[in-house]
Structure formats: structure tokens, C-alpha cells
Amino acid sequence: MTTVLKSNDTLFPESLLTISQPPKQLHVACTYWGNILSRPKVAIVGSRKVTPYGTAVTKQVAAELARAGVVVVSGLAYGVDTIAHQAALDVGGITVAILPTSLDAIYPVRHTQLAHTIVEQGGALITEYGTGSTPFKWNFVERNRIVSGFADALVVTEAAAKSGTLHTADFALDQGREVFAVPGNITSPASEGTNSLIKAGAQPLTSAQDVLTFLGITGQKRTIPTSSDPVEQAILNGLLDSITDASVLQVRSGVSIQHFNQALTMLEIKGIVENTGNNQWRLC
């Protein structure tokens, strides 16, 4: 469902009303908008040219926040943005993409299917640009103020010294949002930006629990489930590795479909896993 929200609409995000240069309207593609508004929201941003370290950290933080019921917000760009969106989706979570273009012109085009999946899984696409709008270079910077403004906190997982991601951090600070930055290797140019943010006063992030504590979400540390049944354990191992598709889990388990389905059913009966639809599963 696509809708246009004016700044005086009751469903317009209150968090965006008080930022500098608030958007006059939002074009939203979403099915469960009320559910998104009612949840805590954290923006995760970072470099487009992400390193293996940045990839691993982004996946971990985004997945753990999504499992805790936090909406993961980002900008659908290459690198950290895409990794954060996908990690949230992989654990059955909700994610929101703020676009620098109109809804009919997803950018980058390569991420069109990802954008559709975000909406299908209960998330949303948001932009202040109407159909047919011409995308200007400045749109990407303007988009960043909404990324930070829509969220309760901002996490920068990896950024070089002159990364455009730092614009988002500046917006967040101006908006009074808490900024978290992941410390990186002091010899790595890819972490110069995040390390500088920490020196300037950003909160160092060493686990998703740092953000959850800030949000007042307690008791979210997950007890890793185990099973004495080898097939059940193989399924659990796959889910812990962020594999959610039952077909992929079955192949990975190395057993017949019948034996796999029996084990999956037992895990569901035990309340350890749940079906999120479309043959996708997640840990409860």
C-alpha cells in the first residue's frame, strides 16, 4: 500500500516534526505503518566500500536489534546500508529504507527486489520525493537527515575519514539523537571516521546490547538453544547463521525432507522456532 502523509496527518512521524527542515510530506510504501511507528527505531549506516570487519559487525548488530523487536532504518545504499537491511530481514525482523528518489524509481536499481522484500516482510519505503521527481546529488544528503531523524539512535558501523556517512552523524547530533560508533583498527583507513566520532563524544558500541540498554530494552540477551537431536541441532545452527529459508536449511542438514520436516515440527512444538511465512523460519 502506498500513501502520502502530510506533516499535519496524525500518522506522520512525530520525530520528524522537530528536526531542522522537516519534510512537508512523506510518500510511504508499507502494509503495517502503525506497527512501525510504535516500535523503537535505530538507524544503521556506514561505508559503501565496506570491509569484511564492517560486514560482520553490521550483520551482527542489525540482526540482534531486529530480533529484539527494533526497527532497523537505513538508506538502501550499497555497503553497510544493504547489509543492515538484509540482516534484519534474515532474522524475520522489520526494516525501513529511506530513499533519495521517488518510490517509482528505486535507487540503486539493483536493489529494487530488496526494496520489495522490505515491504513484503512488514517494513516500509519512505521518501519525501513524489512520482516523477528528478534525482539530484543533493537528494542523497537531504535523505540522511530523515534517516537519522526517523530513528531514536544512530549506529555507524564503519566509515572512512571523509565518508558521506558522517553527514548522517552530523544530522543526528543536531537532532539530539544518540550516536553510537563501532571502534575499528587504528591502522585501518576504513575505521578512521568511526574512531574520530568516538573521540568527538560518540558512544563506543561493542555489542547491540549497548543500544538496547539505551533504548531501555532489557533482558534481550539470547540464550543459544541446543538440542540432543542432530537434525534439530543442524537446523538451529543454520538459523543462528542467519539462514531462514527452510529449503536451504534442509539441504544444509543433509537429511531427507521427511526427516527434516519432523525435526522442524518438533522445534516448533517446543517453542524454539516459528514460521514467519513464505517458508521462512526464525528462532523464537
Protein backbone atom coordinates (compact mmCIF):
# COMPACT_ATOMS: atom_id res chain seq x y z
CA MET A 1 0.00 0.00 0.00
CA THR A 2 1.32 3.43 -0.96
CA THR A 3 0.18 6.56 0.80
CA VAL A 4 1.12 10.22 1.15
CA LEU A 5 1.40 11.64 4.67
CA LYS A 6 1.22 15.39 5.17
CA SER A 7 3.01 16.91 8.15
CA ASN A 8 -0.35 17.58 9.84
CA ASP A 9 -1.58 13.98 9.47
CA THR A 10 -1.94 12.03 12.71
CA LEU A 11 0.19 9.20 11.30
CA PHE A 12 3.06 11.49 10.30
CA PRO A 13 6.14 10.53 12.39
CA GLU A 14 6.39 12.92 15.32
CA SER A 15 10.16 12.52 15.40
CA LEU A 16 10.42 14.26 12.02
CA LEU A 17 8.32 17.26 13.01
CA THR A 18 11.01 18.76 15.23
CA ILE A 19 14.10 18.33 13.04
CA SER A 20 15.66 21.15 11.06
CA GLN A 21 13.96 21.43 7.66
CA PRO A 22 11.27 18.82 8.40
CA PRO A 23 9.79 17.18 5.31
CA LYS A 24 6.45 18.66 4.28
CA GLN A 25 5.18 15.27 3.21
CA LEU A 26 6.24 11.65 3.02
CA HIS A 27 5.46 9.08 0.36
CA VAL A 28 5.27 5.70 2.10
CA ALA A 29 5.06 2.15 0.77
CA CYS A 30 4.03 -0.02 3.69
CA THR A 31 1.46 -2.52 4.91
CA TYR A 32 1.71 -2.11 8.70
CA TRP A 33 2.65 1.54 9.24
CA GLY A 34 1.21 1.71 12.74
CA ASN A 35 3.33 -1.23 13.82
CA ILE A 36 6.48 0.56 12.64
CA LEU A 37 5.60 3.82 14.38
CA SER A 38 5.00 2.04 17.68
CA ARG A 39 8.38 0.28 17.75
CA PRO A 40 11.81 1.62 18.76
CA LYS A 41 13.88 2.51 15.72
CA VAL A 42 17.64 2.53 15.19
CA ALA A 43 19.42 3.76 12.06
CA ILE A 44 22.48 1.79 10.95
CA VAL A 45 24.74 3.45 8.40
CA GLY A 46 28.30 3.23 7.17
CA SER A 47 30.68 2.99 4.27
CA ARG A 48 29.64 1.84 0.81
CA LYS A 49 33.07 0.20 0.40
CA VAL A 50 32.71 -1.98 3.47
CA THR A 51 35.46 -4.30 4.72
CA PRO A 52 34.93 -7.87 6.00
CA TYR A 53 35.11 -6.46 9.55
CA GLY A 54 32.44 -3.87 8.81
CA THR A 55 30.29 -6.51 7.13
CA ALA A 56 30.47 -8.87 10.11
CA VAL A 57 29.79 -6.15 12.67
CA THR A 58 26.86 -4.73 10.70
CA LYS A 59 25.27 -8.16 10.29
CA GLN A 60 25.61 -8.93 13.97
CA VAL A 61 24.29 -5.62 15.28
CA ALA A 62 21.39 -5.37 12.80
CA ALA A 63 20.31 -8.98 13.41
CA GLU A 64 20.39 -8.66 17.20
CA LEU A 65 18.47 -5.39 17.17
CA ALA A 66 15.87 -6.85 14.78
CA ARG A 67 15.46 -9.95 16.97
CA ALA A 68 14.78 -7.64 19.92
CA GLY A 69 11.90 -6.00 18.02
CA VAL A 70 13.78 -2.87 16.97
CA VAL A 71 13.09 -1.45 13.50
CA VAL A 72 16.36 -1.18 11.57
CA VAL A 73 16.48 2.02 9.49
CA SER A 74 18.93 2.71 6.66
CA GLY A 75 19.21 4.21 3.18
CA LEU A 76 19.22 1.22 0.76
CA ALA A 77 22.67 2.24 -0.49
CA TYR A 78 25.49 -0.15 -1.31
CA GLY A 79 27.65 -1.42 1.53
CA VAL A 80 26.56 -1.09 5.15
CA ASP A 81 23.00 0.04 4.31
CA THR A 82 22.23 -3.06 2.27
CA ILE A 83 23.90 -5.37 4.78
CA ALA A 84 21.85 -3.90 7.63
CA HIS A 85 18.55 -4.21 5.75
CA GLN A 86 19.28 -7.80 4.71
CA ALA A 87 20.46 -8.89 8.16
CA ALA A 88 17.21 -7.64 9.69
CA LEU A 89 15.17 -9.46 7.05
CA ASP A 90 17.16 -12.67 7.50
CA VAL A 91 16.07 -12.99 11.13
CA GLY A 92 12.44 -12.12 10.35
CA GLY A 93 12.79 -8.55 11.55
CA ILE A 94 11.42 -5.25 10.29
CA THR A 95 13.50 -2.72 8.39
CA VAL A 96 12.78 0.66 6.81
CA ALA A 97 14.58 2.18 3.81
CA ILE A 98 14.70 5.95 3.38
CA LEU A 99 15.06 6.74 -0.33
CA PRO A 100 16.74 9.69 -2.10
CA THR A 101 14.39 9.15 -5.06
CA SER A 102 10.68 8.61 -5.62
CA LEU A 103 9.01 5.27 -4.95
CA ASP A 104 8.70 4.58 -8.67
CA ALA A 105 12.44 4.99 -9.22
CA ILE A 106 14.23 2.84 -6.63
CA TYR A 107 17.90 3.73 -6.34
CA PRO A 108 20.09 1.91 -6.86
CA VAL A 109 18.05 -0.06 -9.39
CA ARG A 110 19.93 -3.19 -8.41
CA HIS A 111 18.19 -3.04 -5.02
CA THR A 112 14.65 -2.99 -6.38
CA GLN A 113 13.95 -6.57 -5.29
CA LEU A 114 15.38 -5.85 -1.84
CA ALA A 115 13.03 -2.86 -1.59
CA HIS A 116 10.04 -5.05 -2.46
CA THR A 117 11.09 -7.67 0.10
CA ILE A 118 11.35 -4.99 2.80
CA VAL A 119 7.69 -4.05 2.26
CA GLU A 120 6.53 -7.66 1.92
CA GLN A 121 8.08 -8.52 5.29
CA GLY A 122 6.31 -5.72 7.15
CA GLY A 123 8.78 -2.90 6.65
CA ALA A 124 8.50 0.32 4.67
CA LEU A 125 9.99 2.51 1.98
CA ILE A 126 9.91 6.24 2.75
CA THR A 127 10.74 9.26 0.62
CA GLU A 128 9.87 12.93 0.52
CA TYR A 129 10.00 12.94 -3.29
CA GLY A 130 6.88 12.45 -5.38
CA THR A 131 6.46 10.41 -8.54
CA GLY A 132 8.50 11.70 -11.43
CA SER A 133 10.87 13.76 -9.30
CA THR A 134 14.33 14.31 -10.75
CA PRO A 135 17.03 12.84 -8.52
CA PHE A 136 19.70 15.44 -7.73
CA LYS A 137 23.01 14.81 -5.99
CA TRP A 138 21.82 16.89 -3.03
CA ASN A 139 18.91 14.48 -2.51
CA PHE A 140 21.31 11.94 -1.02
CA VAL A 141 22.45 14.36 1.67
CA GLU A 142 18.89 15.50 2.37
CA ARG A 143 17.81 11.87 2.68
CA ASN A 144 20.30 11.41 5.50
CA ARG A 145 18.55 13.91 7.77
CA ILE A 146 15.43 11.74 7.56
CA VAL A 147 17.41 8.54 8.20
CA SER A 148 18.66 9.95 11.50
CA GLY A 149 15.51 11.92 12.29
CA PHE A 150 13.19 8.94 11.92
CA ALA A 151 15.28 6.89 14.38
CA ASP A 152 15.76 7.02 18.13
CA ALA A 153 19.50 6.45 17.80
CA LEU A 154 22.16 6.16 15.09
CA VAL A 155 24.80 3.44 14.75
CA VAL A 156 27.81 3.95 12.47
CA THR A 157 29.49 0.58 11.98
CA GLU A 158 32.31 1.58 9.64
CA ALA A 159 33.32 4.83 7.96
CA ALA A 160 36.44 6.35 6.48
CA ALA A 161 37.66 9.82 7.40
CA LYS A 162 35.76 11.55 4.57
CA SER A 163 32.82 9.17 4.33
CA GLY A 164 29.46 10.67 3.40
CA THR A 165 28.11 8.70 6.34
CA LEU A 166 29.50 11.38 8.64
CA HIS A 167 26.85 13.76 7.25
CA THR A 168 24.24 11.47 8.81
CA ALA A 169 26.10 11.54 12.13
CA ASP A 170 26.16 15.36 12.00
CA PHE A 171 22.42 15.43 11.37
CA ALA A 172 21.86 13.03 14.26
CA LEU A 173 23.86 15.19 16.65
CA ASP A 174 21.99 18.32 15.55
CA GLN A 175 18.72 16.47 16.09
CA GLY A 176 19.68 15.36 19.58
CA ARG A 177 19.88 11.69 18.67
CA GLU A 178 22.30 9.39 20.46
CA VAL A 179 25.18 8.40 18.18
CA PHE A 180 26.99 5.08 18.55
CA ALA A 181 30.15 4.21 16.63
CA VAL A 182 31.91 0.87 16.33
CA PRO A 183 35.62 1.12 17.22
CA GLY A 184 37.94 -0.11 14.50
CA ASN A 185 41.57 -0.99 13.95
CA ILE A 186 43.59 2.22 14.35
CA THR A 187 45.67 1.26 11.31
CA SER A 188 42.62 0.81 9.08
CA PRO A 189 41.58 3.81 6.94
CA ALA A 190 38.08 2.29 6.83
CA SER A 191 37.66 2.96 10.56
CA GLU A 192 39.11 6.48 10.75
CA GLY A 193 35.65 8.01 10.64
CA THR A 194 34.14 5.87 13.41
CA ASN A 195 37.20 6.27 15.64
CA SER A 196 37.03 10.03 15.15
CA LEU A 197 33.36 10.04 16.11
CA ILE A 198 34.23 8.27 19.36
CA LYS A 199 36.98 10.80 20.09
CA ALA A 200 34.40 13.55 19.47
CA GLY A 201 31.97 12.07 22.00
CA ALA A 202 30.00 9.33 20.24
CA GLN A 203 29.23 6.26 22.33
CA PRO A 204 31.57 3.34 21.53
CA LEU A 205 29.50 0.33 20.54
CA THR A 206 30.85 -3.10 21.42
CA SER A 207 27.58 -5.03 21.15
CA ALA A 208 23.95 -4.49 20.22
CA GLN A 209 23.17 -4.61 23.93
CA ASP A 210 24.73 -1.14 24.26
CA VAL A 211 21.94 0.23 22.05
CA LEU A 212 19.24 -1.92 23.65
CA THR A 213 20.24 -0.62 27.08
CA PHE A 214 19.99 2.96 25.81
CA LEU A 215 16.52 2.19 24.47
CA GLY A 216 15.51 0.68 27.81
CA ILE A 217 15.11 -2.79 26.33
CA THR A 218 16.39 -5.22 28.94
CA GLY A 219 16.66 -8.96 29.18
CA GLN A 220 17.27 -9.33 25.46
CA LYS A 221 20.45 -11.39 25.66
CA ARG A 222 19.55 -14.57 23.84
CA THR A 223 20.21 -17.98 25.33
CA ILE A 224 21.55 -20.01 22.44
CA PRO A 225 19.22 -23.01 22.02
CA THR A 226 20.63 -26.51 21.69
CA SER A 227 19.18 -29.96 21.02
CA SER A 228 20.36 -33.52 21.56
CA ASP A 229 18.82 -34.45 18.21
CA PRO A 230 21.46 -33.94 15.48
CA VAL A 231 18.95 -32.85 12.84
CA GLU A 232 17.31 -30.34 15.17
CA GLN A 233 20.76 -29.02 16.08
CA ALA A 234 21.66 -28.68 12.40
CA ILE A 235 18.53 -26.58 11.89
CA LEU A 236 19.37 -24.42 14.91
CA ASN A 237 22.93 -23.95 13.67
CA GLY A 238 21.59 -22.77 10.33
CA LEU A 239 19.19 -20.30 11.93
CA LEU A 240 21.98 -18.97 14.14
CA ASP A 241 23.96 -18.38 10.94
CA SER A 242 21.03 -16.23 9.70
CA ILE A 243 19.75 -18.87 7.25
CA THR A 244 15.96 -18.62 7.37
CA ASP A 245 14.72 -20.45 4.25
CA ALA A 246 13.52 -23.98 5.08
CA SER A 247 14.69 -25.34 1.72
CA VAL A 248 18.23 -24.10 2.33
CA LEU A 249 18.16 -25.41 5.90
CA GLN A 250 17.03 -28.84 4.66
CA VAL A 251 19.85 -29.09 2.13
CA ARG A 252 22.35 -27.98 4.75
CA SER A 253 21.07 -30.59 7.22
CA GLY A 254 21.85 -33.39 4.76
CA VAL A 255 18.74 -35.44 5.58
CA SER A 256 15.54 -36.29 3.74
CA ILE A 257 12.71 -33.79 3.52
CA GLN A 258 10.54 -36.06 5.68
CA HIS A 259 13.15 -36.33 8.44
CA PHE A 260 13.86 -32.60 8.22
CA ASN A 261 10.16 -31.66 8.46
CA GLN A 262 9.74 -33.89 11.50
CA ALA A 263 12.64 -32.21 13.26
CA LEU A 264 11.41 -28.73 12.30
CA THR A 265 7.93 -29.53 13.58
CA MET A 266 9.34 -30.72 16.91
CA LEU A 267 11.31 -27.48 17.29
CA GLU A 268 8.12 -25.53 16.60
CA ILE A 269 6.17 -27.57 19.15
CA LYS A 270 8.89 -26.92 21.72
CA GLY A 271 8.52 -23.18 21.07
CA ILE A 272 12.11 -22.81 19.86
CA VAL A 273 11.38 -21.79 16.27
CA GLU A 274 8.48 -20.16 14.46
CA ASN A 275 7.26 -19.86 10.89
CA THR A 276 7.28 -16.27 9.62
CA GLY A 277 5.60 -17.13 6.31
CA ASN A 278 6.78 -17.96 2.78
CA ASN A 279 8.76 -20.96 4.06
CA GLN A 280 10.87 -18.68 6.27
CA TRP A 281 11.73 -19.57 9.86
CA ARG A 282 13.36 -17.87 12.82
CA LEU A 283 14.30 -18.53 16.43
CA CYS A 284 11.63 -17.53 18.93
